Amino acid sequence: MKKNKNKIDNLLFNITKLYPKYIDLNLLRLEKLLQKLGNPQNKIPPVIHIAGTNGKGSTLIFIKNIMEEYGLKVHCYTSPHLIRFNERIVLSNKQIQDDDLFETLNEVIKINNNEEITFFELTTAVALLNFARKKADFCLIETGLGGRLDATNAIKKKVLNIITSIGLDHEEFLSPYLKNIVREKCGILSKDIPVIISSQNTTYKSHLLRKRIKDINCKILKLKSIPKNSCLGLIGNHQKVNAKTAVTAVKHVLKDIKIDVIQKGLKKTTWPGRIQKISFKKNSITEPSEILIDGAHNIEGAKIINSHLNELNLGKWNFVFGMINNKNPRKFIEIIEEHIEKIIFIPIQNQNNSYQPEELKIIFKEKKFNSLVKKNLKSALDSINSNKPLFITGSLYLMGEVLDFFSVKELDF
């Protein structure tokens, strides 16, 4: 198993050298590759396609767990991964096996024949090829970035589209204006496929979405309620929004689904790195009263954290914070700063475009909270106050590092 993992890690590393992880929103390269592969996107099970700024993954995983509880086999495609690339591709309820991943990666690389393509486009082709070759009842597909020109939008045969919470993110690729971001997200829609719109946190966002969808002329499904006395496996009030969207989706495609099946699916749902409680390794440091991690990296994510901390009402927190340098740390921190006792800035391991902790300290030099600079996660954790709760946030990449540090080598969800 370790040998296979090393082979895949080496292959993925070589792919990033050959096909850098740049973002260039364009469907032509992928469509050309898919044609060479026999258009696997036309041979996959019925697709539920999910776009949005926040909540895509949580909504998807709620749907997956409810469908599994119903007795279905489900394929899933999500990004990014936290620990292992296999997390991105789920085949019939299980993460892709190393052998299958290695073989199809090589197959797609060979067929692409050194044509220009992005890392995400190539790995999307790998996912679609696997989805076409293994039977399942549904495919749950999460967009990578945007929607209209996202690689996943090469899929046209769908049974349902979902737009989750929208907000500003990836402005350098999409737009700094909500109106344009709505246009990009709604680019996955078509008039003959119904759509579910998650509850938005402002009336303006709802108005923009409904106006755009009216222009497309597709049916908007009315949101269903979460069954009474349901217990969600994911923490935070915002997850009720995602769960409601998921319940609406499964009730639409599974007309005879029972309430107890929905409740069991909601309860067993886990999704690492999203307001997740965690424990330190024993005998490492004195454990704080509460330890939470969350991969939030945009304004909407910061608002969710702030709301959850208000609800917990535990006073001031220690924070460990790392962020990729195409994000806005000032706006993010200003939303949650009332909860900060001390913040420790760290770089994100193996991410060349991570903010350096010294840069972050300079950005916040005028703030009243105590700030420290540390070279890595371990030294940051060694310097926290054990009598205060701890929150680690700023990037999903950082969440992978955190989980690995706490000896979580493989995720199963």
Protein backbone atom coordinates (compact mmCIF):
# COMPACT_ATOMS: atom_id res chain seq x y z
CA MET A 1 0.00 0.00 0.00
CA LYS A 2 2.80 2.41 0.94
CA LYS A 3 4.63 1.53 -2.28
CA ASN A 4 1.53 2.37 -4.33
CA LYS A 5 1.03 5.61 -2.41
CA ASN A 6 4.63 6.64 -3.12
CA LYS A 7 4.19 5.85 -6.82
CA ILE A 8 1.09 8.04 -6.95
CA ASP A 9 2.73 10.87 -5.00
CA ASN A 10 5.70 10.80 -7.41
CA LEU A 11 3.40 10.71 -10.43
CA LEU A 12 1.30 13.62 -9.17
CA PHE A 13 4.47 15.58 -8.44
CA ASN A 14 5.67 14.97 -12.00
CA ILE A 15 2.27 16.05 -13.35
CA THR A 16 2.53 19.37 -11.49
CA LYS A 17 5.92 19.89 -13.14
CA LEU A 18 4.63 18.98 -16.60
CA TYR A 19 1.20 20.59 -16.17
CA PRO A 20 1.56 23.31 -13.51
CA LYS A 21 -1.34 24.03 -11.15
CA TYR A 22 -2.15 27.25 -12.96
CA ILE A 23 -5.73 28.33 -13.46
CA ASP A 24 -6.86 29.16 -16.97
CA LEU A 25 -10.63 28.96 -17.28
CA ASN A 26 -11.20 27.36 -20.68
CA LEU A 27 -13.12 24.20 -21.59
CA LEU A 28 -11.57 23.61 -25.03
CA ARG A 29 -8.47 21.74 -23.81
CA LEU A 30 -10.46 19.35 -21.65
CA GLU A 31 -13.15 18.76 -24.27
CA LYS A 32 -10.41 17.81 -26.74
CA LEU A 33 -8.91 15.35 -24.26
CA LEU A 34 -12.29 13.87 -23.36
CA GLN A 35 -13.00 13.29 -27.04
CA LYS A 36 -9.77 11.29 -27.31
CA LEU A 37 -10.91 9.28 -24.27
CA GLY A 38 -14.24 8.43 -25.90
CA ASN A 39 -16.26 11.15 -24.13
CA PRO A 40 -16.60 9.42 -20.74
CA GLN A 41 -18.64 12.38 -19.44
CA ASN A 42 -21.54 11.07 -21.56
CA LYS A 43 -21.36 7.58 -20.04
CA ILE A 44 -21.50 8.32 -16.32
CA PRO A 45 -24.46 7.85 -13.93
CA PRO A 46 -27.00 10.68 -13.42
CA VAL A 47 -25.21 13.83 -12.24
CA ILE A 48 -26.01 16.31 -9.48
CA HIS A 49 -23.75 19.31 -10.13
CA ILE A 50 -22.90 21.72 -7.30
CA ALA A 51 -21.47 25.24 -7.61
CA GLY A 52 -21.11 28.02 -5.05
CA THR A 53 -18.58 29.92 -2.95
CA ASN A 54 -19.10 28.10 0.35
CA GLY A 55 -20.92 24.93 1.36
CA LYS A 56 -20.38 22.90 -1.83
CA GLY A 57 -18.49 20.09 -0.14
CA SER A 58 -20.73 19.95 2.93
CA THR A 59 -23.87 19.83 0.79
CA LEU A 60 -22.37 17.11 -1.37
CA ILE A 61 -21.33 14.97 1.58
CA PHE A 62 -24.78 15.28 3.18
CA ILE A 63 -26.35 14.06 -0.08
CA LYS A 64 -23.81 11.23 -0.33
CA ASN A 65 -24.51 9.95 3.15
CA ILE A 66 -28.29 10.10 2.76
CA MET A 67 -28.05 8.25 -0.56
CA GLU A 68 -25.80 5.61 0.97
CA GLU A 69 -28.28 5.17 3.82
CA TYR A 70 -30.99 4.69 1.18
CA GLY A 71 -28.88 1.88 -0.29
CA LEU A 72 -27.39 3.58 -3.35
CA LYS A 73 -23.90 3.53 -4.84
CA VAL A 74 -22.53 7.04 -5.38
CA HIS A 75 -19.55 8.51 -7.24
CA CYS A 76 -18.16 11.84 -5.96
CA TYR A 77 -15.69 14.41 -7.23
CA THR A 78 -14.46 17.11 -4.83
CA SER A 79 -11.42 19.34 -4.38
CA PRO A 80 -8.99 20.05 -2.93
CA HIS A 81 -7.87 17.02 -0.96
CA LEU A 82 -6.57 17.39 2.60
CA ILE A 83 -4.17 14.47 2.97
CA ARG A 84 -4.32 12.13 -0.03
CA PHE A 85 -5.37 12.83 -3.61
CA ASN A 86 -7.65 9.76 -3.48
CA GLU A 87 -10.08 11.82 -1.37
CA ARG A 88 -11.10 13.73 -4.52
CA ILE A 89 -12.48 10.70 -6.36
CA VAL A 90 -15.03 8.45 -4.68
CA LEU A 91 -16.14 5.36 -6.64
CA SER A 92 -19.28 3.58 -5.48
CA ASN A 93 -19.02 5.04 -1.96
CA LYS A 94 -15.27 4.32 -1.52
CA GLN A 95 -12.23 6.46 -2.25
CA ILE A 96 -10.48 5.37 -5.43
CA GLN A 97 -7.97 2.55 -4.94
CA ASP A 98 -4.30 3.35 -5.50
CA ASP A 99 -3.96 0.89 -8.40
CA ASP A 100 -6.98 2.31 -10.26
CA LEU A 101 -5.79 5.88 -9.70
CA PHE A 102 -2.25 5.12 -10.83
CA GLU A 103 -3.40 3.29 -13.97
CA THR A 104 -5.91 5.91 -15.09
CA LEU A 105 -3.54 8.79 -14.38
CA ASN A 106 -0.98 7.17 -16.65
CA GLU A 107 -3.61 6.38 -19.27
CA VAL A 108 -4.87 9.97 -19.41
CA ILE A 109 -1.33 11.40 -19.46
CA LYS A 110 -0.44 9.12 -22.37
CA ILE A 111 -3.56 9.95 -24.38
CA ASN A 112 -3.15 13.68 -23.74
CA ASN A 113 0.27 13.31 -25.42
CA ASN A 114 1.88 16.44 -23.95
CA GLU A 115 -0.90 18.76 -25.17
CA GLU A 116 -1.34 21.90 -23.08
CA ILE A 117 -3.69 21.31 -20.17
CA THR A 118 -4.05 22.28 -16.50
CA PHE A 119 -3.61 19.97 -13.53
CA PHE A 120 -7.29 20.23 -12.58
CA GLU A 121 -8.46 19.57 -16.13
CA LEU A 122 -6.32 16.47 -16.38
CA THR A 123 -7.43 15.08 -13.02
CA THR A 124 -11.07 15.85 -13.88
CA ALA A 125 -10.63 13.66 -16.97
CA VAL A 126 -9.24 10.92 -14.68
CA ALA A 127 -12.32 11.16 -12.47
CA LEU A 128 -14.77 11.05 -15.38
CA LEU A 129 -13.00 8.06 -16.91
CA ASN A 130 -13.33 6.15 -13.63
CA PHE A 131 -16.97 7.21 -13.21
CA ALA A 132 -17.76 5.86 -16.70
CA ARG A 133 -16.14 2.49 -16.00
CA LYS A 134 -17.66 1.68 -12.62
CA LYS A 135 -21.39 1.35 -12.01
CA ALA A 136 -23.18 3.65 -9.58
CA ASP A 137 -26.61 5.19 -9.14
CA PHE A 138 -25.56 8.85 -9.04
CA CYS A 139 -22.56 11.14 -9.55
CA LEU A 140 -22.13 14.08 -7.19
CA ILE A 141 -19.83 16.65 -8.81
CA GLU A 142 -18.44 19.77 -7.11
CA THR A 143 -17.07 22.58 -9.27
CA GLY A 144 -13.45 23.50 -8.72
CA LEU A 145 -13.69 27.25 -9.38
CA GLY A 146 -16.58 29.29 -10.71
CA GLY A 147 -18.87 27.23 -12.89
CA ARG A 148 -19.31 28.48 -16.45
CA LEU A 149 -15.75 27.64 -17.55
CA ASP A 150 -14.90 25.19 -14.76
CA ALA A 151 -13.59 21.82 -15.98
CA THR A 152 -16.57 20.02 -14.45
CA ASN A 153 -18.90 21.96 -16.76
CA ALA A 154 -17.84 19.67 -19.59
CA ILE A 155 -20.62 17.47 -18.15
CA LYS A 156 -23.91 18.29 -19.84
CA LYS A 157 -26.19 15.34 -18.98
CA LYS A 158 -27.46 16.14 -15.48
CA VAL A 159 -30.56 15.57 -13.40
CA LEU A 160 -30.12 18.45 -10.97
CA ASN A 161 -28.02 21.56 -10.36
CA ILE A 162 -27.34 23.21 -7.00
CA ILE A 163 -26.06 26.71 -6.19
CA THR A 164 -24.88 26.97 -2.59
CA SER A 165 -23.93 30.13 -0.67
CA ILE A 166 -22.26 32.74 -2.87
CA GLY A 167 -19.77 35.45 -1.99
CA LEU A 168 -16.47 37.00 -3.04
CA ASP A 169 -13.63 34.54 -3.60
CA HIS A 170 -11.06 33.98 -6.37
CA GLU A 171 -11.78 37.53 -7.53
CA GLU A 172 -8.62 37.52 -9.68
CA PHE A 173 -10.14 34.76 -11.84
CA LEU A 174 -13.87 35.45 -11.56
CA SER A 175 -14.65 39.06 -10.66
CA PRO A 176 -14.67 41.49 -7.71
CA TYR A 177 -18.39 42.02 -8.33
CA LEU A 178 -21.14 39.73 -7.00
CA LYS A 179 -23.20 40.17 -10.15
CA ASN A 180 -20.42 38.69 -12.27
CA ILE A 181 -19.71 35.92 -9.76
CA VAL A 182 -23.39 34.93 -9.88
CA ARG A 183 -23.11 34.78 -13.68
CA GLU A 184 -20.10 32.43 -13.40
CA LYS A 185 -21.73 30.15 -10.80
CA CYS A 186 -24.96 29.99 -12.78
CA GLY A 187 -22.96 28.99 -15.84
CA ILE A 188 -23.59 25.35 -14.88
CA LEU A 189 -27.35 25.82 -15.36
CA SER A 190 -29.54 25.06 -18.37
CA LYS A 191 -33.24 25.58 -18.96
CA ASP A 192 -34.20 21.89 -18.97
CA ILE A 193 -32.54 20.97 -15.64
CA PRO A 194 -34.05 22.11 -12.29
CA VAL A 195 -31.93 23.99 -9.76
CA ILE A 196 -31.87 24.29 -5.98
CA ILE A 197 -30.67 27.59 -4.52
CA SER A 198 -29.36 27.40 -0.96
CA SER A 199 -30.54 30.10 1.45
CA GLN A 200 -28.28 33.14 1.03
CA ASN A 201 -27.12 35.42 3.83
CA THR A 202 -28.40 38.59 2.11
CA THR A 203 -31.55 39.42 0.15
CA TYR A 204 -29.37 41.03 -2.52
CA LYS A 205 -27.60 37.75 -3.27
CA SER A 206 -30.91 35.90 -3.50
CA HIS A 207 -32.23 38.60 -5.84
CA LEU A 208 -29.16 38.35 -8.11
CA LEU A 209 -29.43 34.58 -8.29
CA ARG A 210 -33.14 34.51 -9.01
CA LYS A 211 -32.82 37.20 -11.67
CA ARG A 212 -30.07 35.28 -13.43
CA ILE A 213 -31.96 31.99 -13.19
CA LYS A 214 -35.08 33.65 -14.57
CA ASP A 215 -33.03 34.67 -17.63
CA ILE A 216 -31.87 31.06 -18.04
CA ASN A 217 -35.48 29.91 -17.59
CA CYS A 218 -34.87 26.81 -15.48
CA LYS A 219 -37.13 25.61 -12.70
CA ILE A 220 -36.20 26.54 -9.11
CA LEU A 221 -37.11 23.81 -6.62
CA LYS A 222 -38.64 24.96 -3.36
CA LEU A 223 -36.44 24.25 -0.35
CA LYS A 224 -37.66 21.44 1.90
CA SER A 225 -37.35 21.42 5.67
CA ILE A 226 -34.93 19.24 7.59
CA PRO A 227 -36.97 16.52 9.36
CA LYS A 228 -37.82 17.44 12.96
CA ASN A 229 -35.46 16.12 15.67
CA SER A 230 -32.68 15.59 13.12
CA CYS A 231 -29.12 15.61 14.47
CA LEU A 232 -26.44 16.83 12.06
CA GLY A 233 -23.01 15.23 12.00
CA LEU A 234 -21.45 18.57 11.03
CA ILE A 235 -21.02 21.44 13.50
CA GLY A 236 -22.38 24.97 13.07
CA ASN A 237 -25.67 26.69 12.25
CA HIS A 238 -24.53 27.20 8.65
CA GLN A 239 -24.64 23.43 8.20
CA LYS A 240 -28.41 23.58 8.65
CA VAL A 241 -28.50 25.58 5.40
CA ASN A 242 -26.39 22.95 3.63
CA ALA A 243 -28.43 20.10 5.12
CA LYS A 244 -31.68 21.74 3.96
CA THR A 245 -30.31 21.96 0.43
CA ALA A 246 -29.22 18.31 0.58
CA VAL A 247 -32.62 17.18 1.86
CA THR A 248 -34.31 19.06 -1.00
CA ALA A 249 -32.02 17.33 -3.49
CA VAL A 250 -32.59 13.78 -2.26
CA LYS A 251 -36.36 14.30 -1.97
CA HIS A 252 -36.37 15.46 -5.60
CA VAL A 253 -34.45 12.49 -7.04
CA LEU A 254 -35.71 9.84 -4.57
CA LYS A 255 -39.45 10.37 -4.34
CA ASP A 256 -40.07 7.52 -1.88
CA ILE A 257 -37.25 8.27 0.58
CA LYS A 258 -38.28 7.88 4.23
CA ILE A 259 -37.66 10.45 6.98
CA ASP A 260 -35.62 8.02 9.11
CA VAL A 261 -33.26 7.38 6.16
CA ILE A 262 -32.67 11.13 5.81
CA GLN A 263 -32.09 11.50 9.55
CA LYS A 264 -29.57 8.64 9.68
CA GLY A 265 -27.69 10.06 6.70
CA LEU A 266 -27.54 13.57 8.19
CA LYS A 267 -26.33 12.23 11.53
CA LYS A 268 -23.49 10.08 10.18
CA THR A 269 -22.09 12.81 7.93
CA THR A 270 -18.50 13.94 8.55
CA TRP A 271 -16.43 16.37 6.49
CA PRO A 272 -12.87 16.99 7.77
CA GLY A 273 -11.55 20.51 8.19
CA ARG A 274 -14.96 22.16 8.46
CA ILE A 275 -15.51 23.39 12.05
CA GLN A 276 -14.08 20.12 13.27
CA LYS A 277 -13.29 19.30 16.88
CA ILE A 278 -9.87 17.82 17.35
CA SER A 279 -7.59 16.51 20.11
CA PHE A 280 -3.86 16.82 20.51
CA LYS A 281 -1.57 13.84 20.61
CA LYS A 282 -1.17 12.73 24.19
CA ASN A 283 1.86 13.93 26.12
CA SER A 284 2.65 16.62 23.55
CA ILE A 285 1.28 19.80 25.13
CA THR A 286 -1.31 20.77 27.71
CA GLU A 287 -4.65 20.52 25.94
CA PRO A 288 -6.82 23.65 25.64
CA SER A 289 -10.44 23.53 26.75
CA GLU A 290 -11.73 23.48 23.15
CA ILE A 291 -9.86 22.89 19.89
CA LEU A 292 -11.51 23.60 16.54
CA ILE A 293 -10.14 23.68 13.00
CA ASP A 294 -11.74 25.12 9.87
CA GLY A 295 -10.40 25.59 6.34
CA ALA A 296 -12.21 28.90 5.79
CA HIS A 297 -10.23 31.26 3.55
CA ASN A 298 -12.72 33.89 2.40
CA ILE A 299 -15.04 36.51 3.85
CA GLU A 300 -18.08 34.25 3.96
CA GLY A 301 -16.06 31.58 5.78
CA ALA A 302 -14.86 34.14 8.34
CA LYS A 303 -18.47 35.19 8.97
CA ILE A 304 -19.40 31.57 9.64
CA ILE A 305 -16.55 31.21 12.14
CA ASN A 306 -17.52 34.47 13.85
CA SER A 307 -21.14 33.36 14.16
CA HIS A 308 -20.12 29.99 15.61
CA LEU A 309 -17.78 31.57 18.16
CA ASN A 310 -20.53 33.99 19.18
CA GLU A 311 -22.79 31.00 19.78
CA LEU A 312 -20.16 29.11 21.80
CA ASN A 313 -19.51 32.22 23.93
CA LEU A 314 -16.20 30.94 25.36
CA GLY A 315 -14.51 34.33 25.53
CA LYS A 316 -11.19 35.02 23.82
CA TRP A 317 -9.42 32.35 21.77
CA ASN A 318 -5.89 31.48 20.69
CA PHE A 319 -5.63 31.34 16.88
CA VAL A 320 -3.11 29.66 14.62
CA PHE A 321 -3.39 31.20 11.15
CA GLY A 322 -1.89 30.52 7.73
CA MET A 323 -3.20 31.68 4.36
CA ILE A 324 -2.46 31.51 0.64
CA ASN A 325 -1.31 34.90 -0.66
CA ASN A 326 -4.12 35.41 -3.19
CA LYS A 327 -6.58 35.79 -0.29
CA ASN A 328 -7.33 38.81 1.89
CA PRO A 329 -6.10 38.16 5.45
CA ARG A 330 -6.97 41.68 6.70
CA LYS A 331 -10.68 41.42 5.87
CA PHE A 332 -10.78 37.84 7.16
CA ILE A 333 -9.19 38.61 10.54
CA GLU A 334 -11.16 41.82 11.05
CA ILE A 335 -14.37 39.79 10.99
CA ILE A 336 -13.22 37.51 13.84
CA GLU A 337 -10.83 39.79 15.74
CA GLU A 338 -13.16 40.35 18.70
CA HIS A 339 -12.54 36.68 19.58
CA ILE A 340 -8.73 36.83 19.36
CA GLU A 341 -6.59 36.78 22.51
CA LYS A 342 -3.44 35.77 20.65
CA ILE A 343 -2.79 34.85 17.04
CA ILE A 344 0.21 32.88 15.81
CA PHE A 345 1.10 33.29 12.14
CA ILE A 346 2.71 30.37 10.33
CA PRO A 347 3.59 29.48 6.73
CA ILE A 348 1.66 26.67 5.06
CA GLN A 349 3.91 23.70 4.44
CA ASN A 350 4.73 22.83 0.81
CA GLN A 351 2.82 25.83 -0.55
CA ASN A 352 5.13 28.30 -2.28
CA ASN A 353 2.35 30.89 -2.52
CA SER A 354 1.69 30.90 1.21
CA TYR A 355 1.93 34.20 3.09
CA GLN A 356 5.08 34.30 5.16
CA PRO A 357 4.29 34.81 8.86
CA GLU A 358 6.41 37.96 8.97
CA GLU A 359 4.23 39.48 6.22
CA LEU A 360 1.08 38.71 8.18
CA LYS A 361 2.49 40.22 11.37
CA ILE A 362 3.23 43.47 9.54
CA ILE A 363 -0.32 43.59 8.11
CA PHE A 364 -1.74 43.42 11.65
CA LYS A 365 0.89 45.44 13.53
CA GLU A 366 -1.66 48.08 14.62
CA LYS A 367 -4.12 45.58 16.09
CA LYS A 368 -4.53 45.24 19.85
CA PHE A 369 -4.36 41.45 19.95
CA ASN A 370 -1.06 39.72 20.68
CA SER A 371 0.57 38.29 17.56
CA LEU A 372 3.50 35.92 17.19
CA VAL A 373 5.48 34.52 14.27
CA LYS A 374 6.47 30.86 14.19
CA LYS A 375 8.24 28.81 11.55
CA ASN A 376 5.86 25.85 11.57
CA LEU A 377 2.73 24.33 13.08
CA LYS A 378 4.52 22.43 15.84
CA SER A 379 6.29 25.50 17.21
CA ALA A 380 3.00 27.43 17.05
CA LEU A 381 1.19 24.77 19.08
CA ASP A 382 4.02 24.71 21.61
CA SER A 383 3.48 28.41 22.29
CA ILE A 384 -0.30 28.55 22.86
CA ASN A 385 -1.96 29.34 26.19
CA SER A 386 -3.48 26.09 27.44
CA ASN A 387 -6.13 27.94 29.46
CA LYS A 388 -7.70 29.40 26.31
CA PRO A 389 -9.59 27.57 23.54
CA LEU A 390 -7.75 27.17 20.24
CA PHE A 391 -8.89 27.76 16.65
CA ILE A 392 -6.74 26.88 13.60
CA THR A 393 -7.86 28.40 10.29
CA GLY A 394 -7.02 30.27 7.07
CA SER A 395 -6.73 27.57 4.41
CA LEU A 396 -7.86 24.05 3.51
CA TYR A 397 -4.22 23.30 2.72
CA LEU A 398 -3.41 24.13 6.33
CA MET A 399 -6.14 21.70 7.46
CA GLY A 400 -4.35 18.87 5.68
CA GLU A 401 -1.18 19.79 7.51
CA VAL A 402 -3.01 19.91 10.85
CA LEU A 403 -4.66 16.51 10.36
CA ASP A 404 -1.35 14.99 9.32
CA PHE A 405 0.33 16.47 12.40
CA PHE A 406 -2.31 14.84 14.57
CA SER A 407 -1.46 11.49 12.97
CA VAL A 408 -4.52 11.33 10.72
CA LYS A 409 -2.90 9.63 7.72
CA GLU A 410 -6.03 8.77 5.76
CA LEU A 411 -9.52 10.24 5.69
CA ASP A 412 -12.66 8.16 5.21
CA PHE A 413 -15.89 10.10 4.72
